[in-house]
């Protein structure tokens, strides 16, 4: 057995690829907030390839803000920022490699000054974020900054030093402005339509609460390019590390696995410079919107469709439902009839072929992705992934049955969080949602009054009628029979 550290990397099993560059030559050029599995399986992979080309100025300093990030701090310290990533292809083949571009990790509660120091260093030219879809505090219904998370509220109340991502970004930008240092570029890698615009809205609004002149400067001087990111990455477990140990004799507490597919599309708006992303496969484009709509409304929305229906059906694994003819037919009906007509042409992409590829990716057994992982924070994800499709089709009089069934399944899923043997509802708004889910039993449609998710949709009679019918069908006949009924009703 070999413990994974910088000192042992040359002694690893030769089947595991290791960094093809001198890690000691790397300098921090990027600071990343939210070093979770996705960031390590996605952005770090591209930067690892950049480092291998000889660009040494784009090492990463990770920053953790939340109590659960202390585990990442400890793992990064024990392993010098190294970890193994195993990728799984649809044909069952695997490849493992060690990623080496995370060269520093700071747990902000330990040393806030150190975080501000690296953010204000002239060498830091990009700050990236994976803080979840709900982490930006921009209300889906109003489009305004209305945060509810404890760290941001603490900073808005005047906390010093900062606690939240927006607190650190705003203070660091203030210091850079006052010292005459050009601002860094802020790139969000979260699944939000117009994610750069949303990030800018949040940072500028946060800054305005502190200093209106600073807010105006950020608005004018700081770049927030949009991006689209894609790689299915299950949450790592003890079994993930055990698999690396069994296959290669490597002791890696931070081991990670993902699918083999990877994509990053980013708007070319980096005033102070960026690595040569295109040289390692990143699509650097003038307009990300067609790509992000494609991904959000096809991949992410399909994840929402399968997770709630699948969990109600007693399923556990993404690959199982994605190999089931009923689920596959339902997902394709949603994609083809409801989602695809809402999309813009996507340069270089055949949309039906993209949908075929999605089903193939979902069905990969080696990835071991769970429906429970997809059923987190539905109140943040559904308004961003499914409801835009529903609203478009309502506006044009198009089909809505699949989208409505997904929402009805979510409401039935929430009902499962009630009572003695309640399932855990992993949603930041669970305390608000569950009472409304309980009222659905005696006052059907009560959940639709939750405006942070549905806004004014409870006033659309076609939608409400369809939702109530779908809920009743689910309650009487279950998800599988209800999907089959939808497919039969929509069949040409």
Protein backbone atom coordinates (compact mmCIF):
# COMPACT_ATOMS: atom_id res chain seq x y z
CA UNK A 1 0.00 0.00 0.00
CA UNK A 2 1.26 3.50 -0.88
CA UNK A 3 -0.11 6.59 0.80
CA UNK A 4 -0.71 9.33 -1.76
CA UNK A 5 1.56 12.33 -1.10
CA UNK A 6 4.01 14.44 -3.07
CA UNK A 7 6.85 12.29 -1.69
CA UNK A 8 5.33 9.02 -2.93
CA UNK A 9 3.89 10.04 -6.28
CA UNK A 10 6.82 8.58 -8.21
CA UNK A 11 6.21 5.17 -6.61
CA UNK A 12 2.59 4.71 -7.62
CA UNK A 13 1.32 1.90 -9.80
CA UNK A 14 2.38 2.83 -13.36
CA UNK A 15 -1.16 2.23 -14.60
CA UNK A 16 -2.12 5.45 -12.78
CA UNK A 17 -1.09 8.56 -14.74
CA UNK A 18 0.65 11.23 -12.67
CA UNK A 19 1.24 14.95 -13.30
CA UNK A 20 3.45 15.49 -16.34
CA UNK A 21 4.94 18.69 -14.92
CA UNK A 22 6.94 20.01 -11.98
CA UNK A 23 4.36 20.90 -9.34
CA UNK A 24 6.89 23.03 -7.49
CA UNK A 25 6.97 25.39 -10.48
CA UNK A 26 3.23 26.13 -10.32
CA UNK A 27 2.02 29.48 -9.01
CA UNK A 28 -1.49 30.32 -7.84
CA UNK A 29 -3.34 32.10 -10.63
CA UNK A 30 -6.85 30.89 -9.80
CA UNK A 31 -8.71 30.87 -6.48
CA UNK A 32 -11.69 28.53 -6.29
CA UNK A 33 -14.54 28.68 -3.75
CA UNK A 34 -16.25 25.33 -3.17
CA UNK A 35 -13.76 22.51 -3.75
CA UNK A 36 -16.25 19.68 -4.04
CA UNK A 37 -16.23 16.59 -6.20
CA UNK A 38 -17.42 18.35 -9.32
CA UNK A 39 -14.69 20.97 -9.28
CA UNK A 40 -12.04 18.31 -8.72
CA UNK A 41 -13.40 16.14 -11.56
CA UNK A 42 -13.93 18.99 -13.99
CA UNK A 43 -12.09 22.32 -13.81
CA UNK A 44 -9.01 20.78 -12.19
CA UNK A 45 -8.77 18.25 -15.03
CA UNK A 46 -8.53 21.01 -17.61
CA UNK A 47 -6.00 22.93 -15.52
CA UNK A 48 -3.96 19.78 -15.03
CA UNK A 49 -3.77 19.50 -18.82
CA UNK A 50 -2.84 23.20 -19.04
CA UNK A 51 0.04 22.66 -16.60
CA UNK A 52 1.26 19.77 -18.73
CA UNK A 53 1.66 22.18 -21.69
CA UNK A 54 4.17 24.23 -19.69
CA UNK A 55 1.90 27.04 -18.44
CA UNK A 56 2.88 27.34 -14.79
CA UNK A 57 0.85 30.39 -13.75
CA UNK A 58 -2.49 28.69 -13.28
CA UNK A 59 -2.20 26.62 -10.13
CA UNK A 60 -5.26 26.65 -7.89
CA UNK A 61 -5.79 27.73 -4.32
CA UNK A 62 -8.99 26.17 -3.03
CA UNK A 63 -11.08 27.93 -0.40
CA UNK A 64 -13.63 26.29 1.89
CA UNK A 65 -16.22 28.29 3.81
CA UNK A 66 -18.61 25.77 5.33
CA UNK A 67 -18.14 23.49 8.36
CA UNK A 68 -18.17 20.42 6.11
CA UNK A 69 -15.23 21.87 4.17
CA UNK A 70 -12.94 21.09 7.10
CA UNK A 71 -12.73 17.52 5.77
CA UNK A 72 -11.37 18.82 2.45
CA UNK A 73 -8.85 20.92 4.35
CA UNK A 74 -7.61 17.86 6.21
CA UNK A 75 -7.46 15.68 3.10
CA UNK A 76 -5.63 18.31 1.08
CA UNK A 77 -3.11 18.83 3.90
CA UNK A 78 -2.47 15.11 4.33
CA UNK A 79 -2.04 14.49 0.59
CA UNK A 80 -0.38 17.75 -0.54
CA UNK A 81 -3.49 18.56 -2.56
CA UNK A 82 -3.21 15.36 -4.62
CA UNK A 83 -6.04 12.92 -5.36
CA UNK A 84 -6.87 10.18 -7.83
CA UNK A 85 -9.67 10.56 -10.36
CA UNK A 86 -11.10 7.46 -11.99
CA UNK A 87 -13.25 8.02 -15.06
CA UNK A 88 -15.79 5.49 -16.33
CA UNK A 89 -16.77 5.21 -19.98
CA UNK A 90 -20.16 3.89 -21.18
CA UNK A 91 -18.43 0.75 -22.45
CA UNK A 92 -17.25 -0.04 -18.92
CA UNK A 93 -13.59 0.90 -19.40
CA UNK A 94 -11.82 2.92 -16.70
CA UNK A 95 -8.83 5.23 -16.48
CA UNK A 96 -7.23 6.59 -13.31
CA UNK A 97 -4.90 9.53 -12.89
CA UNK A 98 -3.57 11.80 -10.15
CA UNK A 99 -4.50 15.47 -10.44
CA UNK A 100 -1.85 17.91 -9.25
CA UNK A 101 -2.96 21.51 -9.87
CA UNK A 102 -4.58 22.09 -6.47
CA UNK A 103 -1.42 23.44 -4.86
CA UNK A 104 -2.95 25.17 -1.83
CA UNK A 105 -6.10 24.85 0.25
CA UNK A 106 -7.39 27.40 2.75
CA UNK A 107 -10.23 26.78 5.17
CA UNK A 108 -11.46 30.33 5.60
CA UNK A 109 -12.60 30.10 9.25
CA UNK A 110 -9.03 29.13 10.19
CA UNK A 111 -7.38 32.17 8.63
CA UNK A 112 -9.56 34.79 6.92
CA UNK A 113 -6.54 37.05 6.38
CA UNK A 114 -4.81 34.35 4.35
CA UNK A 115 -7.83 34.09 2.05
CA UNK A 116 -7.85 37.86 1.48
CA UNK A 117 -4.09 37.79 0.92
CA UNK A 118 -4.33 35.27 -1.92
CA UNK A 119 -7.36 37.03 -3.40
CA UNK A 120 -5.51 40.34 -3.53
CA UNK A 121 -2.25 38.94 -4.92
CA UNK A 122 -1.47 40.35 -8.37
CA UNK A 123 -0.86 36.81 -9.63
CA UNK A 124 -4.50 35.87 -8.89
CA UNK A 125 -6.31 36.73 -12.10
CA UNK A 126 -9.35 34.44 -11.96
CA UNK A 127 -11.73 33.43 -9.15
CA UNK A 128 -14.05 30.52 -9.85
CA UNK A 129 -17.11 29.32 -7.95
CA UNK A 130 -19.06 26.12 -7.41
CA UNK A 131 -21.32 27.17 -4.54
CA UNK A 132 -24.50 25.34 -5.75
CA UNK A 133 -27.48 26.67 -7.68
CA UNK A 134 -28.99 28.12 -4.52
CA UNK A 135 -25.80 29.75 -3.30
CA UNK A 136 -26.21 33.03 -5.16
CA UNK A 137 -29.25 34.32 -3.31
CA UNK A 138 -30.91 35.65 -6.47
CA UNK A 139 -34.64 35.01 -6.27
CA UNK A 140 -35.93 32.96 -9.22
CA UNK A 141 -39.28 34.74 -9.19
CA UNK A 142 -38.09 38.36 -8.94
CA UNK A 143 -34.52 38.22 -10.23
CA UNK A 144 -33.39 40.25 -7.23
CA UNK A 145 -30.68 39.53 -4.68
CA UNK A 146 -32.46 38.12 -1.64
CA UNK A 147 -30.06 35.83 0.23
CA UNK A 148 -31.08 33.61 3.12
CA UNK A 149 -27.91 31.65 3.90
CA UNK A 150 -26.37 32.30 7.29
CA UNK A 151 -22.90 33.33 6.11
CA UNK A 152 -24.11 35.95 3.64
CA UNK A 153 -26.62 37.37 6.12
CA UNK A 154 -23.87 37.61 8.71
CA UNK A 155 -21.72 39.58 6.29
CA UNK A 156 -24.59 41.84 5.28
CA UNK A 157 -25.04 42.62 8.97
CA UNK A 158 -21.47 43.94 9.07
CA UNK A 159 -19.33 40.96 10.03
CA UNK A 160 -15.59 41.55 9.80
CA UNK A 161 -13.67 39.60 8.60
CA UNK A 162 -15.95 38.12 5.93
CA UNK A 163 -17.65 34.74 6.17
CA UNK A 164 -19.34 34.25 2.78
CA UNK A 165 -18.12 34.01 -0.79
CA UNK A 166 -19.68 37.38 -1.56
CA UNK A 167 -18.11 38.93 1.51
CA UNK A 168 -14.65 37.74 0.48
CA UNK A 169 -15.09 38.71 -3.18
CA UNK A 170 -16.33 42.19 -2.33
CA UNK A 171 -13.63 42.91 0.24
CA UNK A 172 -10.89 41.57 -2.03
CA UNK A 173 -12.11 43.68 -4.95
CA UNK A 174 -12.21 46.75 -2.69
CA UNK A 175 -8.62 46.14 -1.63
CA UNK A 176 -7.48 45.58 -5.21
CA UNK A 177 -9.17 48.80 -6.31
CA UNK A 178 -7.63 50.80 -3.48
CA UNK A 179 -4.17 49.36 -4.17
CA UNK A 180 -4.34 49.92 -7.91
CA UNK A 181 -4.35 46.18 -8.72
CA UNK A 182 -6.54 45.16 -11.69
CA UNK A 183 -9.61 43.16 -10.66
CA UNK A 184 -9.75 39.42 -11.11
CA UNK A 185 -12.33 37.79 -13.39
CA UNK A 186 -15.15 35.91 -11.62
CA UNK A 187 -16.29 32.68 -13.29
CA UNK A 188 -19.19 30.70 -11.87
CA UNK A 189 -19.34 27.01 -12.76
CA UNK A 190 -22.79 26.38 -11.30
CA UNK A 191 -25.81 25.20 -13.29
CA UNK A 192 -27.73 28.45 -13.67
CA UNK A 193 -28.99 30.08 -16.84
CA UNK A 194 -26.87 33.17 -17.44
CA UNK A 195 -24.70 32.18 -14.50
CA UNK A 196 -22.25 35.02 -15.07
CA UNK A 197 -25.07 37.55 -15.01
CA UNK A 198 -26.47 35.99 -11.83
CA UNK A 199 -23.06 36.09 -10.13
CA UNK A 200 -22.61 39.72 -11.11
CA UNK A 201 -26.08 40.59 -9.81
CA UNK A 202 -25.23 38.99 -6.45
CA UNK A 203 -21.77 40.53 -6.03
CA UNK A 204 -22.82 44.02 -7.11
CA UNK A 205 -25.92 43.94 -4.88
CA UNK A 206 -23.86 42.72 -1.94
CA UNK A 207 -21.29 45.46 -2.52
CA UNK A 208 -24.02 48.09 -2.80
CA UNK A 209 -25.17 47.21 0.71
CA UNK A 210 -21.70 48.22 1.90
CA UNK A 211 -20.49 50.95 -0.46
CA UNK A 212 -22.40 52.27 -3.48
CA UNK A 213 -19.24 53.59 -5.14
CA UNK A 214 -17.57 50.21 -4.81
CA UNK A 215 -20.65 48.58 -6.32
CA UNK A 216 -20.51 50.96 -9.29
CA UNK A 217 -16.80 50.19 -9.78
CA UNK A 218 -17.41 46.41 -9.67
CA UNK A 219 -20.29 46.78 -12.10
CA UNK A 220 -18.08 48.65 -14.57
CA UNK A 221 -14.68 47.03 -14.05
CA UNK A 222 -15.13 43.37 -13.14
CA UNK A 223 -15.81 40.67 -15.73
CA UNK A 224 -18.27 37.85 -15.00
CA UNK A 225 -18.20 35.56 -18.06
CA UNK A 226 -20.92 32.94 -18.42
CA UNK A 227 -20.01 29.27 -18.61
CA UNK A 228 -21.55 25.85 -19.14
CA UNK A 229 -20.03 22.85 -17.36
CA UNK A 230 -20.80 19.17 -17.72
CA UNK A 231 -19.48 15.99 -16.14
CA UNK A 232 -21.59 13.58 -14.09
CA UNK A 233 -19.76 13.18 -10.79
CA UNK A 234 -21.28 11.11 -7.96
CA UNK A 235 -20.44 12.06 -4.40
CA UNK A 236 -17.36 10.07 -3.32
CA UNK A 237 -17.82 7.44 -0.64
CA UNK A 238 -15.60 5.09 1.36
CA UNK A 239 -16.09 2.61 -1.48
CA UNK A 240 -14.51 5.08 -3.91
CA UNK A 241 -11.29 5.09 -1.93
CA UNK A 242 -11.48 1.35 -1.38
CA UNK A 243 -11.69 0.75 -5.12
CA UNK A 244 -8.47 2.72 -5.69
CA UNK A 245 -6.82 0.78 -2.89
CA UNK A 246 -7.92 -2.56 -4.29
CA UNK A 247 -7.00 -1.77 -7.90
CA UNK A 248 -3.71 0.06 -7.44
CA UNK A 249 -2.61 -0.26 -3.82
CA UNK A 250 -3.01 3.50 -3.28
CA UNK A 251 -4.23 4.87 0.04
CA UNK A 252 -6.22 7.94 -1.05
CA UNK A 253 -8.76 9.40 1.37
CA UNK A 254 -9.81 11.93 -1.29
CA UNK A 255 -10.34 9.57 -4.23
CA UNK A 256 -12.97 10.53 -6.76
CA UNK A 257 -14.76 9.00 -9.73
CA UNK A 258 -16.79 10.43 -12.59
CA UNK A 259 -18.00 9.62 -16.05
CA UNK A 260 -15.52 9.92 -18.91
CA UNK A 261 -17.51 12.63 -20.74
CA UNK A 262 -16.42 16.19 -19.99
CA UNK A 263 -17.37 19.59 -21.42
CA UNK A 264 -16.70 23.22 -20.55
CA UNK A 265 -18.00 26.11 -22.64
CA UNK A 266 -16.95 29.57 -21.47
CA UNK A 267 -17.48 33.10 -22.70
CA UNK A 268 -14.25 34.73 -23.85
CA UNK A 269 -14.18 37.69 -21.44
CA UNK A 270 -11.00 37.63 -19.35
CA UNK A 271 -9.52 41.16 -19.35
CA UNK A 272 -6.51 40.28 -17.19
CA UNK A 273 -5.68 37.04 -18.98
CA UNK A 274 -6.49 33.35 -18.88
CA UNK A 275 -4.81 30.06 -19.69
CA UNK A 276 -5.00 28.70 -23.23
CA UNK A 277 -8.20 26.83 -22.48
CA UNK A 278 -8.97 25.98 -26.09
CA UNK A 279 -5.71 24.02 -26.34
CA UNK A 280 -7.05 21.46 -23.83
CA UNK A 281 -10.57 21.14 -25.22
CA UNK A 282 -12.51 23.98 -23.58
CA UNK A 283 -14.92 25.66 -25.98
CA UNK A 284 -14.18 29.39 -25.72
CA UNK A 285 -17.09 31.16 -27.41
CA UNK A 286 -18.63 34.64 -27.73
CA UNK A 287 -22.06 33.44 -26.52
CA UNK A 288 -22.61 30.59 -24.06
CA UNK A 289 -26.41 30.82 -23.89
CA UNK A 290 -27.30 28.21 -26.56
CA UNK A 291 -25.02 25.67 -24.87
CA UNK A 292 -26.22 26.37 -21.35
CA UNK A 293 -29.90 26.17 -22.29
CA UNK A 294 -29.23 22.85 -24.01
CA UNK A 295 -27.52 21.42 -20.95
CA UNK A 296 -29.89 22.82 -18.32
CA UNK A 297 -33.12 21.88 -20.11
CA UNK A 298 -32.02 18.49 -21.40
CA UNK A 299 -29.46 16.99 -19.00
CA UNK A 300 -30.25 18.73 -15.71
CA UNK A 301 -34.01 18.70 -16.22
CA UNK A 302 -33.89 15.00 -17.13
CA UNK A 303 -32.06 14.35 -13.88
CA UNK A 304 -34.94 16.03 -12.06
CA UNK A 305 -37.46 14.01 -14.03
CA UNK A 306 -35.89 10.66 -13.28
CA UNK A 307 -35.02 11.23 -9.62
CA UNK A 308 -38.46 12.03 -8.20
CA UNK A 309 -40.34 9.51 -10.33
CA UNK A 310 -37.65 6.90 -9.70
CA UNK A 311 -37.54 7.39 -5.95
CA UNK A 312 -41.34 7.17 -5.75
CA UNK A 313 -40.98 3.93 -7.71
CA UNK A 314 -38.54 2.49 -5.15
CA UNK A 315 -35.51 2.86 -7.43
CA UNK A 316 -31.98 3.73 -6.24
CA UNK A 317 -29.61 3.99 -9.19
CA UNK A 318 -29.57 6.34 -12.16
CA UNK A 319 -28.33 3.58 -14.46
CA UNK A 320 -31.25 1.31 -13.56
CA UNK A 321 -33.97 3.78 -14.51
CA UNK A 322 -31.96 4.83 -17.57
CA UNK A 323 -32.02 1.26 -18.86
CA UNK A 324 -35.75 0.87 -18.19
CA UNK A 325 -37.79 1.26 -21.41
CA UNK A 326 -40.61 3.15 -19.67
CA UNK A 327 -38.29 5.73 -18.14
CA UNK A 328 -36.27 6.06 -21.33
CA UNK A 329 -39.41 6.63 -23.39
CA UNK A 330 -40.64 9.22 -20.89
CA UNK A 331 -37.31 11.06 -20.84
CA UNK A 332 -37.13 11.10 -24.63
CA UNK A 333 -40.71 12.35 -24.84
CA UNK A 334 -39.84 15.18 -22.47
CA UNK A 335 -36.67 16.02 -24.41
CA UNK A 336 -38.17 15.79 -27.89
CA UNK A 337 -41.65 17.25 -27.40
CA UNK A 338 -41.21 19.76 -24.59
CA UNK A 339 -37.58 20.81 -24.04
CA UNK A 340 -35.96 20.74 -27.47
CA UNK A 341 -38.47 23.14 -29.09
CA UNK A 342 -37.53 25.79 -26.50
CA UNK A 343 -33.83 25.77 -27.47
CA UNK A 344 -31.83 27.96 -29.78
CA UNK A 345 -29.66 26.37 -32.49
CA UNK A 346 -26.46 25.17 -30.81
CA UNK A 347 -23.35 25.63 -32.97
CA UNK A 348 -21.87 22.29 -33.93
CA UNK A 349 -24.43 20.21 -32.01
CA UNK A 350 -26.99 17.77 -33.41
CA UNK A 351 -29.63 17.96 -30.67
CA UNK A 352 -31.29 14.55 -31.25
CA UNK A 353 -27.84 12.93 -31.21
CA UNK A 354 -27.03 14.86 -28.02
CA UNK A 355 -30.18 13.40 -26.42
CA UNK A 356 -29.17 9.90 -27.49
CA UNK A 357 -25.77 10.48 -25.90
CA UNK A 358 -27.41 11.66 -22.66
CA UNK A 359 -29.37 8.43 -22.31
CA UNK A 360 -26.18 6.46 -22.95
CA UNK A 361 -24.34 8.47 -20.30
CA UNK A 362 -27.13 8.08 -17.75
CA UNK A 363 -27.15 4.33 -18.32
CA UNK A 364 -23.47 3.80 -17.50
CA UNK A 365 -23.38 1.37 -14.56
CA UNK A 366 -19.78 2.02 -13.53
CA UNK A 367 -20.51 5.65 -12.61
CA UNK A 368 -22.79 4.44 -9.77
CA UNK A 369 -24.77 7.67 -9.57
CA UNK A 370 -27.75 7.73 -7.21
CA UNK A 371 -31.19 9.24 -7.58
CA UNK A 372 -30.86 10.62 -4.04
CA UNK A 373 -27.94 12.79 -5.17
CA UNK A 374 -30.12 14.31 -7.86
CA UNK A 375 -32.99 14.98 -5.44
CA UNK A 376 -31.12 17.62 -3.44
CA UNK A 377 -32.45 21.21 -3.30
CA UNK A 378 -35.30 20.65 -5.71
CA UNK A 379 -36.67 24.07 -4.81
CA UNK A 380 -33.54 25.59 -6.34
CA UNK A 381 -33.13 23.22 -9.27
CA UNK A 382 -36.66 22.84 -10.62
CA UNK A 383 -37.16 26.60 -11.23
CA UNK A 384 -33.89 26.70 -13.17
CA UNK A 385 -34.16 23.46 -15.15
CA UNK A 386 -37.81 22.44 -15.63
CA UNK A 387 -39.99 25.51 -15.09
CA UNK A 388 -38.48 27.55 -17.98
CA UNK A 389 -39.55 24.75 -20.35
CA UNK A 390 -43.00 24.62 -18.80
CA UNK A 391 -43.45 28.40 -19.02
CA UNK A 392 -42.39 28.44 -22.67
CA UNK A 393 -44.84 25.71 -23.60
CA UNK A 394 -47.67 27.36 -21.65
CA UNK A 395 -47.00 30.60 -23.52
CA UNK A 396 -47.20 28.94 -26.95
CA UNK A 397 -49.89 26.38 -26.13
CA UNK A 398 -47.47 23.48 -26.44
CA UNK A 399 -47.27 20.15 -24.60
CA UNK A 400 -46.70 20.25 -20.84
CA UNK A 401 -47.64 16.76 -19.60
CA UNK A 402 -44.08 15.56 -18.92
CA UNK A 403 -42.97 18.73 -17.14
CA UNK A 404 -46.13 18.78 -15.05
CA UNK A 405 -45.67 15.14 -14.05
CA UNK A 406 -42.15 15.91 -12.82
CA UNK A 407 -43.51 18.69 -10.59
CA UNK A 408 -46.33 16.47 -9.34
CA UNK A 409 -43.77 13.76 -8.53
CA UNK A 410 -41.73 16.30 -6.58
CA UNK A 411 -44.79 17.20 -4.52
CA UNK A 412 -45.46 13.53 -3.79
CA UNK A 413 -41.78 13.07 -2.91
CA UNK A 414 -42.07 15.93 -0.39
CA UNK A 415 -45.06 14.20 1.17
CA UNK A 416 -42.72 11.32 1.92
CA UNK A 417 -40.94 13.67 4.33
CA UNK A 418 -43.95 13.64 6.64
CA UNK A 419 -44.90 11.20 9.38
CA UNK A 420 -43.11 8.65 11.55
CA UNK A 421 -41.11 6.91 8.83
CA UNK A 422 -40.38 10.07 6.89
CA UNK A 423 -37.63 10.20 4.32
CA UNK A 424 -35.03 12.94 4.67
CA UNK A 425 -35.80 15.90 2.42
CA UNK A 426 -32.45 17.44 1.57
CA UNK A 427 -33.61 20.93 0.61
CA UNK A 428 -32.65 24.23 2.18
CA UNK A 429 -36.33 25.23 2.12
CA UNK A 430 -37.63 21.97 3.60
CA UNK A 431 -39.12 23.69 6.67
CA UNK A 432 -41.27 25.85 4.35
CA UNK A 433 -42.11 23.15 1.83
CA UNK A 434 -43.21 20.34 4.15
CA UNK A 435 -46.22 22.15 5.70
CA UNK A 436 -47.50 22.91 2.19
CA UNK A 437 -46.93 19.30 1.15
CA UNK A 438 -49.01 18.23 4.15
CA UNK A 439 -51.83 20.56 3.07
CA UNK A 440 -51.91 18.93 -0.37
CA UNK A 441 -53.81 16.03 1.21
CA UNK A 442 -56.79 18.19 2.12
CA UNK A 443 -56.25 21.22 -0.12
CA UNK A 444 -54.90 19.99 -3.46
CA UNK A 445 -52.58 22.48 -5.13
CA UNK A 446 -51.36 24.05 -1.87
CA UNK A 447 -47.71 23.61 -2.88
CA UNK A 448 -48.25 25.78 -5.95
CA UNK A 449 -48.66 28.76 -3.63
CA UNK A 450 -44.94 28.60 -2.79
CA UNK A 451 -43.86 31.61 -4.81
CA UNK A 452 -40.06 31.13 -4.54
CA UNK A 453 -40.55 28.11 -6.81
CA UNK A 454 -43.77 28.68 -8.74
CA UNK A 455 -44.12 32.49 -8.74
CA UNK A 456 -47.48 33.16 -10.41
CA UNK A 457 -48.06 29.74 -11.96
CA UNK A 458 -50.83 28.96 -9.47
CA UNK A 459 -52.92 31.40 -11.51
CA UNK A 460 -52.52 29.47 -14.76
CA UNK A 461 -55.62 27.28 -15.00
CA UNK A 462 -54.20 24.91 -17.61
CA UNK A 463 -51.17 24.23 -15.48
CA UNK A 464 -53.12 23.84 -12.23
CA UNK A 465 -55.62 21.45 -13.80
CA UNK A 466 -52.83 19.32 -15.28
CA UNK A 467 -50.88 19.31 -12.02
CA UNK A 468 -53.88 18.17 -9.96
CA UNK A 469 -54.65 15.43 -12.46
CA UNK A 470 -51.03 14.22 -12.45
CA UNK A 471 -50.91 14.15 -8.63
CA UNK A 472 -54.15 12.17 -8.48
CA UNK A 473 -52.86 9.70 -11.08
CA UNK A 474 -49.60 9.23 -9.15
CA UNK A 475 -51.50 8.66 -5.92
CA UNK A 476 -53.86 6.10 -7.51
CA UNK A 477 -51.59 4.22 -9.89
CA UNK A 478 -47.96 5.06 -9.07
CA UNK A 479 -45.20 6.56 -11.22
CA UNK A 480 -44.72 3.77 -13.76
CA UNK A 481 -48.36 3.51 -14.77
CA UNK A 482 -48.65 7.31 -14.80
CA UNK A 483 -45.67 7.66 -17.15
CA UNK A 484 -47.19 5.03 -19.43
CA UNK A 485 -50.49 6.91 -19.43
CA UNK A 486 -48.72 10.13 -20.39
CA UNK A 487 -46.90 8.37 -23.20
CA UNK A 488 -50.11 6.84 -24.52
CA UNK A 489 -51.97 10.15 -24.40
CA UNK A 490 -49.18 11.89 -26.31
CA UNK A 491 -48.56 9.13 -28.81
CA UNK A 492 -49.05 10.29 -32.42
